[in-house]
């Protein structure tokens, strides 16, 4: 059974290994996501500056997602928590762990615990399936920007508490 928790600095080496394995296809596509070429210092910076969540199975981290807060050093574009550094173990024995991780983050942590009305994320326009995947999850494209990473970043937002929708 999966367990969810906030990551600590002690998780750094395991998160680095997971990220590099999970982002191998991203590197092959030539997309420049920070997590795809991370080192331990960058993982520790993420753990220190953001809310990094993990899913464990049998004591092993199998999925992670980080949340950049609007008041943090690297806020998203819309004044709401911003998801990034989402990775699931490509060697895990079961499918759906990524979906389970992001659902737990959106519903349990962001909507039910932090009471945030919405969440945002960014992805590369060059990625062959991420935009469609996030649209199926209820995210809507809000805009795009060239952040100098060799692709256009597509910014998306999802309403978590509909009655707060302006």
C-alpha atoms as a PDB file:
ATOM      1  CA  UNK A   1       0.000   0.000   0.000  1.00  0.00           C
ATOM      2  CA  UNK A   2       1.245   3.451  -0.901  1.00  0.00           C
ATOM      3  CA  UNK A   3       2.115   5.986   1.760  1.00  0.00           C
ATOM      4  CA  UNK A   4       2.437   9.717   1.133  1.00  0.00           C
ATOM      5  CA  UNK A   5       4.565  12.227   3.017  1.00  0.00           C
ATOM      6  CA  UNK A   6       6.617  15.386   2.862  1.00  0.00           C
ATOM      7  CA  UNK A   7      10.170  14.701   1.717  1.00  0.00           C
ATOM      8  CA  UNK A   8      13.193  15.613   3.836  1.00  0.00           C
ATOM      9  CA  UNK A   9      16.813  16.382   2.978  1.00  0.00           C
ATOM     10  CA  UNK A  10      17.643  12.778   3.852  1.00  0.00           C
ATOM     11  CA  UNK A  11      15.589  11.742   0.794  1.00  0.00           C
ATOM     12  CA  UNK A  12      17.854  13.744  -1.529  1.00  0.00           C
ATOM     13  CA  UNK A  13      19.963  10.897  -2.954  1.00  0.00           C
ATOM     14  CA  UNK A  14      16.922   8.688  -3.580  1.00  0.00           C
ATOM     15  CA  UNK A  15      15.036  11.593  -5.216  1.00  0.00           C
ATOM     16  CA  UNK A  16      18.020  12.360  -7.447  1.00  0.00           C
ATOM     17  CA  UNK A  17      18.187   8.738  -8.610  1.00  0.00           C
ATOM     18  CA  UNK A  18      14.417   8.624  -9.235  1.00  0.00           C
ATOM     19  CA  UNK A  19      14.459  11.935 -11.132  1.00  0.00           C
ATOM     20  CA  UNK A  20      17.336  11.034 -13.415  1.00  0.00           C
ATOM     21  CA  UNK A  21      15.749   7.675 -14.299  1.00  0.00           C
ATOM     22  CA  UNK A  22      12.260   9.128 -14.778  1.00  0.00           C
ATOM     23  CA  UNK A  23      13.446  12.063 -16.893  1.00  0.00           C
ATOM     24  CA  UNK A  24      15.598   9.975 -19.274  1.00  0.00           C
ATOM     25  CA  UNK A  25      12.907  10.196 -22.023  1.00  0.00           C
ATOM     26  CA  UNK A  26      12.791  13.988 -21.542  1.00  0.00           C
ATOM     27  CA  UNK A  27      16.548  14.215 -22.096  1.00  0.00           C
ATOM     28  CA  UNK A  28      16.184  12.063 -25.232  1.00  0.00           C
ATOM     29  CA  UNK A  29      13.532  14.493 -26.536  1.00  0.00           C
ATOM     30  CA  UNK A  30      15.979  17.369 -25.991  1.00  0.00           C
ATOM     31  CA  UNK A  31      13.629  19.144 -23.569  1.00  0.00           C
ATOM     32  CA  UNK A  32      15.416  21.146 -20.888  1.00  0.00           C
ATOM     33  CA  UNK A  33      13.582  20.558 -17.592  1.00  0.00           C
ATOM     34  CA  UNK A  34      15.689  21.247 -14.485  1.00  0.00           C
ATOM     35  CA  UNK A  35      14.844  17.843 -13.008  1.00  0.00           C
ATOM     36  CA  UNK A  36      16.130  16.048 -16.111  1.00  0.00           C
ATOM     37  CA  UNK A  37      19.742  17.020 -15.452  1.00  0.00           C
ATOM     38  CA  UNK A  38      19.626  17.645 -11.714  1.00  0.00           C
ATOM     39  CA  UNK A  39      22.474  17.055  -9.324  1.00  0.00           C
ATOM     40  CA  UNK A  40      22.249  16.556  -5.557  1.00  0.00           C
ATOM     41  CA  UNK A  41      22.667  20.295  -4.883  1.00  0.00           C
ATOM     42  CA  UNK A  42      19.637  21.107  -7.068  1.00  0.00           C
ATOM     43  CA  UNK A  43      17.572  18.378  -5.395  1.00  0.00           C
ATOM     44  CA  UNK A  44      18.488  19.788  -1.975  1.00  0.00           C
ATOM     45  CA  UNK A  45      17.599  23.314  -3.141  1.00  0.00           C
ATOM     46  CA  UNK A  46      14.188  22.024  -4.258  1.00  0.00           C
ATOM     47  CA  UNK A  47      13.692  20.272  -0.904  1.00  0.00           C
ATOM     48  CA  UNK A  48      14.624  23.440   0.978  1.00  0.00           C
ATOM     49  CA  UNK A  49      12.643  25.965  -1.078  1.00  0.00           C
ATOM     50  CA  UNK A  50       9.492  24.015  -1.967  1.00  0.00           C
ATOM     51  CA  UNK A  51       6.982  21.512  -0.647  1.00  0.00           C
ATOM     52  CA  UNK A  52       8.322  18.240  -2.030  1.00  0.00           C
ATOM     53  CA  UNK A  53       5.925  15.318  -1.667  1.00  0.00           C
ATOM     54  CA  UNK A  54       6.689  11.646  -2.100  1.00  0.00           C
ATOM     55  CA  UNK A  55       4.833   8.371  -2.482  1.00  0.00           C
ATOM     56  CA  UNK A  56       6.496   5.346  -0.941  1.00  0.00           C
ATOM     57  CA  UNK A  57       5.846   1.667  -1.427  1.00  0.00           C
ATOM     58  CA  UNK A  58       7.630  -0.767   0.874  1.00  0.00           C
ATOM     59  CA  UNK A  59       9.933   2.033   2.070  1.00  0.00           C
ATOM     60  CA  UNK A  60      11.013   3.033  -1.443  1.00  0.00           C
ATOM     61  CA  UNK A  61      10.110   6.355  -3.091  1.00  0.00           C
ATOM     62  CA  UNK A  62       8.205   5.567  -6.288  1.00  0.00           C
ATOM     63  CA  UNK A  63       6.824   9.008  -7.161  1.00  0.00           C
ATOM     64  CA  UNK A  64       7.411  12.643  -6.290  1.00  0.00           C
ATOM     65  CA  UNK A  65       5.958  16.040  -7.048  1.00  0.00           C
ATOM     66  CA  UNK A  66       7.005  19.446  -5.792  1.00  0.00           C
ATOM     67  CA  UNK A  67       4.886  22.503  -5.159  1.00  0.00           C
ATOM     68  CA  UNK A  68       6.339  25.982  -5.575  1.00  0.00           C
ATOM     69  CA  UNK A  69       4.431  28.403  -3.372  1.00  0.00           C
ATOM     70  CA  UNK A  70       3.364  31.915  -4.423  1.00  0.00           C
ATOM     71  CA  UNK A  71       5.427  33.388  -1.562  1.00  0.00           C
ATOM     72  CA  UNK A  72       8.515  31.264  -2.283  1.00  0.00           C
ATOM     73  CA  UNK A  73      11.676  32.122  -4.212  1.00  0.00           C
ATOM     74  CA  UNK A  74      10.356  30.735  -7.524  1.00  0.00           C
ATOM     75  CA  UNK A  75       6.583  31.349  -7.642  1.00  0.00           C
ATOM     76  CA  UNK A  76       4.388  30.278 -10.518  1.00  0.00           C
ATOM     77  CA  UNK A  77       2.719  32.838 -12.779  1.00  0.00           C
ATOM     78  CA  UNK A  78      -0.803  32.982 -11.282  1.00  0.00           C
ATOM     79  CA  UNK A  79      -0.490  33.554  -7.533  1.00  0.00           C
ATOM     80  CA  UNK A  80      -1.436  29.946  -6.713  1.00  0.00           C
ATOM     81  CA  UNK A  81       0.714  26.895  -5.880  1.00  0.00           C
ATOM     82  CA  UNK A  82       2.656  25.739  -8.931  1.00  0.00           C
ATOM     83  CA  UNK A  83       3.441  22.055  -9.571  1.00  0.00           C
ATOM     84  CA  UNK A  84       6.786  20.966 -10.897  1.00  0.00           C
ATOM     85  CA  UNK A  85       9.415  18.235 -10.633  1.00  0.00           C
ATOM     86  CA  UNK A  86       6.855  15.458 -11.087  1.00  0.00           C
ATOM     87  CA  UNK A  87       8.474  12.043 -11.506  1.00  0.00           C
ATOM     88  CA  UNK A  88       7.449   8.420 -11.142  1.00  0.00           C
ATOM     89  CA  UNK A  89       9.669   5.369 -11.087  1.00  0.00           C
ATOM     90  CA  UNK A  90       9.844   3.928 -14.610  1.00  0.00           C
ATOM     91  CA  UNK A  91      10.723   0.534 -13.075  1.00  0.00           C
ATOM     92  CA  UNK A  92       7.722   0.390 -10.719  1.00  0.00           C
ATOM     93  CA  UNK A  93       5.742  -2.787 -11.016  1.00  0.00           C
ATOM     94  CA  UNK A  94       2.372  -1.111 -11.373  1.00  0.00           C
ATOM     95  CA  UNK A  95       0.915   1.572 -13.569  1.00  0.00           C
ATOM     96  CA  UNK A  96      -1.021   4.538 -12.263  1.00  0.00           C
ATOM     97  CA  UNK A  97       1.379   5.646  -9.528  1.00  0.00           C
ATOM     98  CA  UNK A  98       1.886   9.038 -11.183  1.00  0.00           C
ATOM     99  CA  UNK A  99      -1.861   9.581 -11.434  1.00  0.00           C
ATOM    100  CA  UNK A 100      -2.235   8.554  -7.785  1.00  0.00           C
ATOM    101  CA  UNK A 101       0.572  10.934  -6.738  1.00  0.00           C
ATOM    102  CA  UNK A 102      -0.787  13.989  -8.539  1.00  0.00           C
ATOM    103  CA  UNK A 103      -4.351  13.288  -7.359  1.00  0.00           C
ATOM    104  CA  UNK A 104      -3.187  13.054  -3.737  1.00  0.00           C
ATOM    105  CA  UNK A 105      -1.234  16.302  -4.137  1.00  0.00           C
ATOM    106  CA  UNK A 106      -4.123  18.177  -5.756  1.00  0.00           C
ATOM    107  CA  UNK A 107      -6.911  16.888  -3.529  1.00  0.00           C
ATOM    108  CA  UNK A 108      -5.428  16.040  -0.138  1.00  0.00           C
ATOM    109  CA  UNK A 109      -2.592  18.555   0.147  1.00  0.00           C
ATOM    110  CA  UNK A 110      -3.675  21.536  -1.939  1.00  0.00           C
ATOM    111  CA  UNK A 111      -7.487  21.537  -1.924  1.00  0.00           C
ATOM    112  CA  UNK A 112      -8.292  19.886   1.426  1.00  0.00           C
ATOM    113  CA  UNK A 113      -5.277  20.915   3.553  1.00  0.00           C
ATOM    114  CA  UNK A 114      -4.132  24.265   2.146  1.00  0.00           C
ATOM    115  CA  UNK A 115      -7.606  25.229   0.833  1.00  0.00           C
ATOM    116  CA  UNK A 116      -6.087  26.646  -2.347  1.00  0.00           C
ATOM    117  CA  UNK A 117      -8.722  27.348  -5.000  1.00  0.00           C
ATOM    118  CA  UNK A 118      -6.458  26.524  -7.953  1.00  0.00           C
ATOM    119  CA  UNK A 119      -3.077  25.142  -8.976  1.00  0.00           C
ATOM    120  CA  UNK A 120      -0.837  25.839 -11.957  1.00  0.00           C
ATOM    121  CA  UNK A 121       1.946  24.070 -13.815  1.00  0.00           C
ATOM    122  CA  UNK A 122       4.121  24.566 -16.849  1.00  0.00           C
ATOM    123  CA  UNK A 123       5.220  22.125 -19.507  1.00  0.00           C
ATOM    124  CA  UNK A 124       7.110  22.187 -22.779  1.00  0.00           C
ATOM    125  CA  UNK A 125       5.253  22.805 -26.022  1.00  0.00           C
ATOM    126  CA  UNK A 126       7.580  20.215 -27.626  1.00  0.00           C
ATOM    127  CA  UNK A 127       6.510  17.377 -25.321  1.00  0.00           C
ATOM    128  CA  UNK A 128       4.471  14.883 -27.345  1.00  0.00           C
ATOM    129  CA  UNK A 129       1.820  14.021 -24.726  1.00  0.00           C
ATOM    130  CA  UNK A 130       2.038  16.053 -21.494  1.00  0.00           C
ATOM    131  CA  UNK A 131      -0.270  18.910 -22.536  1.00  0.00           C
ATOM    132  CA  UNK A 132      -3.038  16.471 -23.468  1.00  0.00           C
ATOM    133  CA  UNK A 133      -2.510  14.475 -20.273  1.00  0.00           C
ATOM    134  CA  UNK A 134      -2.906  17.581 -18.124  1.00  0.00           C
ATOM    135  CA  UNK A 135      -5.953  18.695 -20.115  1.00  0.00           C
ATOM    136  CA  UNK A 136      -7.571  15.304 -19.355  1.00  0.00           C
ATOM    137  CA  UNK A 137      -6.881  16.025 -15.667  1.00  0.00           C
ATOM    138  CA  UNK A 138      -8.807  19.316 -15.876  1.00  0.00           C
ATOM    139  CA  UNK A 139      -5.969  21.773 -16.536  1.00  0.00           C
ATOM    140  CA  UNK A 140      -6.612  24.584 -18.998  1.00  0.00           C
ATOM    141  CA  UNK A 141      -3.981  26.436 -21.012  1.00  0.00           C
ATOM    142  CA  UNK A 142      -3.584  29.976 -19.693  1.00  0.00           C
ATOM    143  CA  UNK A 143      -0.636  31.242 -21.679  1.00  0.00           C
ATOM    144  CA  UNK A 144       2.877  30.590 -22.900  1.00  0.00           C
ATOM    145  CA  UNK A 145       6.304  32.104 -22.571  1.00  0.00           C
ATOM    146  CA  UNK A 146       9.813  31.584 -23.886  1.00  0.00           C
ATOM    147  CA  UNK A 147      11.909  31.136 -20.744  1.00  0.00           C
ATOM    148  CA  UNK A 148      15.119  30.627 -22.723  1.00  0.00           C
ATOM    149  CA  UNK A 149      15.241  26.853 -22.324  1.00  0.00           C
ATOM    150  CA  UNK A 150      14.953  25.907 -25.988  1.00  0.00           C
ATOM    151  CA  UNK A 151      11.172  25.432 -25.926  1.00  0.00           C
ATOM    152  CA  UNK A 152       8.055  27.451 -25.228  1.00  0.00           C
ATOM    153  CA  UNK A 153       6.629  26.842 -21.748  1.00  0.00           C
ATOM    154  CA  UNK A 154       2.880  26.279 -21.795  1.00  0.00           C
ATOM    155  CA  UNK A 155       1.285  27.442 -18.539  1.00  0.00           C
ATOM    156  CA  UNK A 156      -1.824  25.632 -17.366  1.00  0.00           C
ATOM    157  CA  UNK A 157      -4.185  26.069 -14.429  1.00  0.00           C
ATOM    158  CA  UNK A 158      -6.743  23.811 -12.745  1.00  0.00           C
ATOM    159  CA  UNK A 159      -9.566  24.955 -10.509  1.00  0.00           C
ATOM    160  CA  UNK A 160      -9.627  22.856  -7.321  1.00  0.00           C
ATOM    161  CA  UNK A 161     -12.478  24.615  -5.490  1.00  0.00           C
ATOM    162  CA  UNK A 162     -15.052  25.624  -8.147  1.00  0.00           C
ATOM    163  CA  UNK A 163     -17.031  27.980  -5.889  1.00  0.00           C
ATOM    164  CA  UNK A 164     -13.937  30.227  -5.698  1.00  0.00           C
ATOM    165  CA  UNK A 165     -13.710  30.556  -9.481  1.00  0.00           C
ATOM    166  CA  UNK A 166     -13.726  34.230 -10.410  1.00  0.00           C
END
